[in-house]
Amino acid sequence: WEFSWDIVEPISFFVSTMGPICFFYVWFARHKEDFSMAAWREGMIAKSKQTLYRAKAFDLERYEAVVEAINQCEEDIRLLKQG
């Protein structure tokens, strides 16, 4: 098989143009938001956190409850100091 530039050029143009368009469409369809590097980065970080939490048996709900209790105690202490 021997392809001339008249055949290769439209194919390469189509592939290089439609590849990113398809990627961004699939991203939008899946995430319901425009693609941005910040959103992609946050998604990768969240996925890594979830994987790590599962691997280490970390209870995120319990952690958040403890943090909330600490914040409430600090607020109570602040109010006691004021008056």
N, C-alpha and C. Protein backbone atom coordinates (compact mmCIF):
# COMPACT_ATOMS: atom_id res chain seq x y z
N TRP A 1 0.83 -1.18 0.00
CA TRP A 1 0.00 0.00 0.00
C TRP A 1 0.87 1.24 0.00
N GLU A 2 0.51 2.16 -0.82
CA GLU A 2 1.25 3.41 -0.87
C GLU A 2 0.24 4.56 -0.84
N PHE A 3 0.35 5.38 0.18
CA PHE A 3 -0.59 6.48 0.33
C PHE A 3 0.08 7.78 -0.08
N SER A 4 -0.62 8.53 -0.89
CA SER A 4 -0.11 9.83 -1.28
C SER A 4 -0.57 10.87 -0.25
N TRP A 5 0.02 12.04 -0.33
CA TRP A 5 -0.32 13.10 0.60
C TRP A 5 -1.79 13.50 0.45
N ASP A 6 -2.37 13.33 -0.72
CA ASP A 6 -3.78 13.66 -0.94
C ASP A 6 -4.70 12.78 -0.11
N ILE A 7 -4.25 11.61 0.25
CA ILE A 7 -5.05 10.71 1.09
C ILE A 7 -4.70 10.90 2.57
N VAL A 8 -3.42 11.02 2.87
CA VAL A 8 -2.96 11.09 4.26
C VAL A 8 -3.35 12.42 4.91
N GLU A 9 -3.24 13.50 4.20
CA GLU A 9 -3.49 14.83 4.78
C GLU A 9 -4.91 14.98 5.30
N PRO A 10 -5.97 14.64 4.57
CA PRO A 10 -7.32 14.78 5.14
C PRO A 10 -7.55 13.85 6.33
N ILE A 11 -6.97 12.65 6.29
CA ILE A 11 -7.14 11.72 7.40
C ILE A 11 -6.45 12.26 8.65
N SER A 12 -5.21 12.75 8.50
CA SER A 12 -4.50 13.29 9.66
C SER A 12 -5.18 14.55 10.19
N PHE A 13 -5.72 15.37 9.30
CA PHE A 13 -6.44 16.56 9.74
C PHE A 13 -7.68 16.16 10.53
N PHE A 14 -8.44 15.19 10.03
CA PHE A 14 -9.65 14.74 10.70
C PHE A 14 -9.33 14.16 12.08
N VAL A 15 -8.31 13.32 12.15
CA VAL A 15 -7.95 12.70 13.43
C VAL A 15 -7.45 13.75 14.43
N SER A 16 -6.60 14.66 13.97
CA SER A 16 -6.06 15.66 14.90
C SER A 16 -7.10 16.69 15.31
N THR A 17 -8.14 16.87 14.51
CA THR A 17 -9.20 17.82 14.85
C THR A 17 -10.28 17.16 15.69
N MET A 18 -10.68 15.97 15.31
CA MET A 18 -11.80 15.32 15.99
C MET A 18 -11.40 14.67 17.31
N GLY A 19 -10.14 14.31 17.49
CA GLY A 19 -9.70 13.70 18.74
C GLY A 19 -9.98 14.58 19.95
N PRO A 20 -9.46 15.81 19.95
CA PRO A 20 -9.74 16.69 21.10
C PRO A 20 -11.22 17.04 21.23
N ILE A 21 -11.92 17.20 20.10
CA ILE A 21 -13.34 17.51 20.18
C ILE A 21 -14.09 16.37 20.86
N CYS A 22 -13.78 15.14 20.49
CA CYS A 22 -14.42 13.99 21.12
C CYS A 22 -14.08 13.91 22.61
N PHE A 23 -12.82 14.18 22.94
CA PHE A 23 -12.40 14.15 24.34
C PHE A 23 -13.19 15.16 25.16
N PHE A 24 -13.29 16.40 24.68
CA PHE A 24 -13.99 17.43 25.43
C PHE A 24 -15.49 17.14 25.52
N TYR A 25 -16.06 16.55 24.47
CA TYR A 25 -17.48 16.18 24.52
C TYR A 25 -17.72 15.11 25.58
N VAL A 26 -16.88 14.08 25.58
CA VAL A 26 -17.04 13.01 26.57
C VAL A 26 -16.83 13.56 27.98
N TRP A 27 -15.85 14.44 28.15
CA TRP A 27 -15.62 15.06 29.46
C TRP A 27 -16.87 15.80 29.92
N PHE A 28 -17.43 16.61 29.03
CA PHE A 28 -18.61 17.40 29.38
C PHE A 28 -19.80 16.49 29.67
N ALA A 29 -19.98 15.45 28.88
CA ALA A 29 -21.10 14.53 29.08
C ALA A 29 -20.99 13.80 30.41
N ARG A 30 -19.77 13.48 30.81
CA ARG A 30 -19.58 12.73 32.06
C ARG A 30 -19.62 13.62 33.29
N HIS A 31 -18.98 14.79 33.22
CA HIS A 31 -18.83 15.64 34.41
C HIS A 31 -19.81 16.80 34.47
N LYS A 32 -20.52 17.07 33.40
CA LYS A 32 -21.49 18.18 33.34
C LYS A 32 -20.85 19.53 33.67
N GLU A 33 -19.61 19.70 33.25
CA GLU A 33 -18.91 20.98 33.41
C GLU A 33 -17.86 21.09 32.31
N ASP A 34 -17.49 22.33 32.01
CA ASP A 34 -16.47 22.54 31.00
C ASP A 34 -15.14 21.98 31.47
N PHE A 35 -14.34 21.54 30.51
CA PHE A 35 -13.02 21.02 30.84
C PHE A 35 -12.10 22.16 31.21
N SER A 36 -11.41 21.99 32.32
CA SER A 36 -10.35 22.92 32.69
C SER A 36 -9.30 22.11 33.43
N MET A 37 -8.09 22.59 33.39
CA MET A 37 -7.02 21.87 34.07
C MET A 37 -7.25 21.84 35.57
N ALA A 38 -7.85 22.89 36.11
CA ALA A 38 -8.12 22.91 37.55
C ALA A 38 -9.14 21.83 37.92
N ALA A 39 -10.19 21.71 37.12
CA ALA A 39 -11.21 20.68 37.39
C ALA A 39 -10.61 19.29 37.23
N TRP A 40 -9.78 19.10 36.23
CA TRP A 40 -9.14 17.80 36.02
C TRP A 40 -8.24 17.47 37.21
N ARG A 41 -7.47 18.46 37.65
CA ARG A 41 -6.56 18.25 38.78
C ARG A 41 -7.32 17.91 40.05
N GLU A 42 -8.39 18.65 40.32
CA GLU A 42 -9.20 18.37 41.51
C GLU A 42 -9.81 16.97 41.45
N GLY A 43 -10.24 16.56 40.26
CA GLY A 43 -10.79 15.22 40.11
C GLY A 43 -9.75 14.14 40.37
N MET A 44 -8.54 14.35 39.89
CA MET A 44 -7.46 13.39 40.11
C MET A 44 -7.09 13.32 41.59
N ILE A 45 -7.07 14.46 42.26
CA ILE A 45 -6.75 14.49 43.69
C ILE A 45 -7.84 13.76 44.47
N ALA A 46 -9.10 14.02 44.15
CA ALA A 46 -10.20 13.37 44.85
C ALA A 46 -10.16 11.85 44.65
N LYS A 47 -9.85 11.43 43.43
CA LYS A 47 -9.77 9.99 43.16
C LYS A 47 -8.63 9.36 43.95
N SER A 48 -7.49 10.04 44.01
CA SER A 48 -6.35 9.52 44.77
C SER A 48 -6.67 9.44 46.26
N LYS A 49 -7.36 10.46 46.78
CA LYS A 49 -7.74 10.45 48.19
C LYS A 49 -8.65 9.28 48.49
N GLN A 50 -9.66 9.06 47.66
CA GLN A 50 -10.60 7.96 47.90
C GLN A 50 -9.89 6.62 47.89
N THR A 51 -8.96 6.43 46.95
CA THR A 51 -8.20 5.19 46.87
C THR A 51 -7.36 5.00 48.12
N LEU A 52 -6.72 6.05 48.56
CA LEU A 52 -5.89 5.98 49.76
C LEU A 52 -6.74 5.74 51.01
N TYR A 53 -7.87 6.41 51.10
CA TYR A 53 -8.77 6.22 52.25
C TYR A 53 -9.22 4.76 52.34
N ARG A 54 -9.59 4.17 51.20
CA ARG A 54 -10.02 2.77 51.20
C ARG A 54 -8.87 1.84 51.58
N ALA A 55 -7.69 2.12 51.06
CA ALA A 55 -6.53 1.26 51.33
C ALA A 55 -6.14 1.28 52.80
N LYS A 56 -6.28 2.43 53.45
CA LYS A 56 -5.88 2.58 54.85
C LYS A 56 -7.05 2.45 55.82
N ALA A 57 -8.25 2.14 55.31
CA ALA A 57 -9.47 2.00 56.13
C ALA A 57 -9.73 3.27 56.94
N PHE A 58 -9.60 4.41 56.29
CA PHE A 58 -9.81 5.70 56.93
C PHE A 58 -11.29 6.05 56.86
N ASP A 59 -11.89 6.36 58.01
CA ASP A 59 -13.31 6.70 58.07
C ASP A 59 -13.46 8.22 57.96
N LEU A 60 -13.77 8.69 56.76
CA LEU A 60 -13.84 10.13 56.51
C LEU A 60 -15.01 10.77 57.26
N GLU A 61 -16.14 10.08 57.36
CA GLU A 61 -17.28 10.64 58.08
C GLU A 61 -16.96 10.85 59.56
N ARG A 62 -16.29 9.88 60.14
CA ARG A 62 -15.91 10.01 61.56
C ARG A 62 -14.92 11.15 61.73
N TYR A 63 -13.96 11.27 60.82
CA TYR A 63 -12.98 12.36 60.87
C TYR A 63 -13.68 13.72 60.81
N GLU A 64 -14.64 13.84 59.89
CA GLU A 64 -15.36 15.12 59.76
C GLU A 64 -16.17 15.42 61.02
N ALA A 65 -16.74 14.38 61.65
CA ALA A 65 -17.48 14.58 62.89
C ALA A 65 -16.56 15.05 64.01
N VAL A 66 -15.37 14.47 64.09
CA VAL A 66 -14.39 14.87 65.12
C VAL A 66 -13.94 16.31 64.88
N VAL A 67 -13.68 16.68 63.64
CA VAL A 67 -13.28 18.05 63.32
C VAL A 67 -14.38 19.03 63.69
N GLU A 68 -15.62 18.66 63.40
CA GLU A 68 -16.76 19.52 63.76
C GLU A 68 -16.85 19.67 65.28
N ALA A 69 -16.65 18.60 66.02
CA ALA A 69 -16.69 18.67 67.49
C ALA A 69 -15.57 19.56 68.02
N ILE A 70 -14.40 19.45 67.44
CA ILE A 70 -13.27 20.30 67.85
C ILE A 70 -13.59 21.76 67.58
N ASN A 71 -14.13 22.04 66.41
CA ASN A 71 -14.48 23.43 66.07
C ASN A 71 -15.53 23.97 67.03
N GLN A 72 -16.50 23.15 67.41
CA GLN A 72 -17.52 23.58 68.36
C GLN A 72 -16.91 23.87 69.73
N CYS A 73 -15.99 23.01 70.17
CA CYS A 73 -15.31 23.24 71.46
C CYS A 73 -14.48 24.52 71.42
N GLU A 74 -13.79 24.76 70.33
CA GLU A 74 -13.00 25.99 70.21
C GLU A 74 -13.90 27.22 70.24
N GLU A 75 -15.06 27.13 69.60
CA GLU A 75 -16.02 28.24 69.63
C GLU A 75 -16.54 28.46 71.04
N ASP A 76 -16.83 27.37 71.76
CA ASP A 76 -17.28 27.49 73.16
C ASP A 76 -16.21 28.13 74.02
N ILE A 77 -14.98 27.74 73.85
CA ILE A 77 -13.86 28.31 74.61
C ILE A 77 -13.73 29.81 74.32
N ARG A 78 -13.84 30.16 73.05
CA ARG A 78 -13.75 31.57 72.66
C ARG A 78 -14.86 32.39 73.31
N LEU A 79 -16.08 31.82 73.34
CA LEU A 79 -17.20 32.54 73.97
C LEU A 79 -17.00 32.66 75.48
N LEU A 80 -16.45 31.64 76.12
CA LEU A 80 -16.19 31.71 77.56
C LEU A 80 -15.14 32.76 77.90
N LYS A 81 -14.13 32.88 77.03
CA LYS A 81 -13.09 33.89 77.28
C LYS A 81 -13.64 35.29 77.14
N GLN A 82 -14.61 35.47 76.24
CA GLN A 82 -15.15 36.82 76.01
C GLN A 82 -16.06 37.27 77.15
N GLY A 83 -16.75 36.38 77.73
CA GLY A 83 -17.72 36.90 78.68
C GLY A 83 -17.98 36.05 79.81
